Amino acid sequence: MSGVRAEWRTALIGALAKSDVPALVVWGDHDHILPFSHLEAAAAALPRAESHVFAKTGHMPQIERPDEFAAVVEDFLTRVSADRQVTSI
């Protein structure tokens, strides 16, 4: 994952991996800033995280595919919210 200071990335990923906060990793398969090949490392570092790959999309899926992005995030948040409500009962 180039472009991000290693110590910052390591601390962030470590904290997220240890927490029980649900995580969704989104990636564009044509991202030239953080290449798609880096998704494998992100998934390995965050094994409990979900991931979604946007086809024919670069670094900003939220701008390039706003409707699809919103649907993916909404679905994720709905499922996570439902799971947390069931777990807390």
Protein backbone atom coordinates (compact mmCIF):
# COMPACT_ATOMS: atom_id res chain seq x y z
CA MET A 1 0.00 0.00 0.00
CA SER A 2 2.16 2.82 -1.20
CA GLY A 3 1.22 6.43 -0.69
CA VAL A 4 0.50 6.13 3.03
CA ARG A 5 3.15 6.41 5.72
CA ALA A 6 3.94 2.89 6.91
CA GLU A 7 3.76 3.71 10.64
CA TRP A 8 0.35 5.34 10.26
CA ARG A 9 -0.99 2.46 8.16
CA THR A 10 0.38 -0.16 10.57
CA ALA A 11 -1.17 1.55 13.60
CA LEU A 12 -4.54 2.03 11.88
CA ILE A 13 -4.79 -1.52 10.56
CA GLY A 14 -3.64 -2.96 13.88
CA ALA A 15 -6.24 -1.01 15.83
CA LEU A 16 -9.02 -1.89 13.42
CA ALA A 17 -8.05 -5.57 13.34
CA LYS A 18 -8.23 -5.75 17.15
CA SER A 19 -11.55 -3.92 17.44
CA ASP A 20 -15.00 -5.33 16.96
CA VAL A 21 -15.99 -2.44 14.72
CA PRO A 22 -17.39 -3.79 11.46
CA ALA A 23 -15.35 -2.77 8.44
CA LEU A 24 -16.10 -2.55 4.75
CA VAL A 25 -13.14 -2.27 2.37
CA VAL A 26 -14.08 -0.90 -1.04
CA TRP A 27 -11.80 -0.85 -4.04
CA GLY A 28 -11.92 0.06 -7.69
CA ASP A 29 -10.42 -2.53 -10.00
CA HIS A 30 -8.79 0.25 -12.05
CA ASP A 31 -7.36 2.23 -9.09
CA HIS A 32 -3.99 3.62 -10.14
CA ILE A 33 -3.30 5.32 -6.79
CA LEU A 34 -3.74 2.23 -4.60
CA PRO A 35 -3.67 -0.60 -7.14
CA PHE A 36 -6.27 -3.34 -6.98
CA SER A 37 -3.53 -5.84 -6.16
CA HIS A 38 -3.33 -4.24 -2.68
CA LEU A 39 -6.81 -5.50 -1.80
CA GLU A 40 -5.34 -8.91 -1.01
CA ALA A 41 -3.08 -7.37 1.65
CA ALA A 42 -5.98 -5.40 3.11
CA ALA A 43 -8.14 -8.52 3.29
CA ALA A 44 -5.32 -10.47 4.96
CA ALA A 45 -4.74 -7.70 7.50
CA LEU A 46 -8.47 -7.38 8.24
CA PRO A 47 -9.85 -10.93 8.00
CA ARG A 48 -13.20 -10.00 9.56
CA ALA A 49 -13.76 -7.10 7.15
CA GLU A 50 -16.02 -7.37 4.16
CA SER A 51 -14.84 -6.15 0.80
CA HIS A 52 -16.45 -4.98 -2.39
CA VAL A 53 -14.76 -4.39 -5.72
CA PHE A 54 -16.22 -1.89 -8.15
CA ALA A 55 -15.72 -2.91 -11.79
CA LYS A 56 -14.24 -0.42 -14.24
CA THR A 57 -13.66 2.02 -11.38
CA GLY A 58 -10.64 3.98 -10.24
CA HIS A 59 -9.66 5.43 -6.87
CA MET A 60 -12.96 7.13 -6.01
CA PRO A 61 -15.89 4.74 -6.34
CA GLN A 62 -18.03 7.08 -4.23
CA ILE A 63 -17.75 9.65 -7.02
CA GLU A 64 -17.40 7.39 -10.06
CA ARG A 65 -20.27 5.06 -9.13
CA PRO A 66 -22.30 6.96 -6.52
CA ASP A 67 -25.50 4.92 -6.78
CA GLU A 68 -23.73 1.57 -6.60
CA PHE A 69 -21.49 2.85 -3.80
CA ALA A 70 -24.48 4.06 -1.79
CA ALA A 71 -26.27 0.74 -2.29
CA VAL A 72 -23.23 -1.26 -1.15
CA VAL A 73 -22.71 0.89 1.94
CA GLU A 74 -26.42 0.93 2.79
CA ASP A 75 -26.61 -2.86 2.51
CA PHE A 76 -23.52 -3.24 4.70
CA LEU A 77 -24.81 -0.85 7.36
CA THR A 78 -28.26 -2.46 7.37
CA ARG A 79 -26.79 -5.94 7.87
CA VAL A 80 -24.31 -4.79 10.52
CA SER A 81 -27.01 -2.90 12.40
CA ALA A 82 -29.32 -5.94 12.33
CA ASP A 83 -26.53 -8.25 13.47
CA ARG A 84 -25.62 -5.95 16.35
CA GLN A 85 -29.26 -5.68 17.46
CA VAL A 86 -29.62 -9.48 17.50
CA THR A 87 -26.34 -9.85 19.40
CA SER A 88 -27.31 -7.29 22.04
CA ILE A 89 -30.65 -8.95 22.85
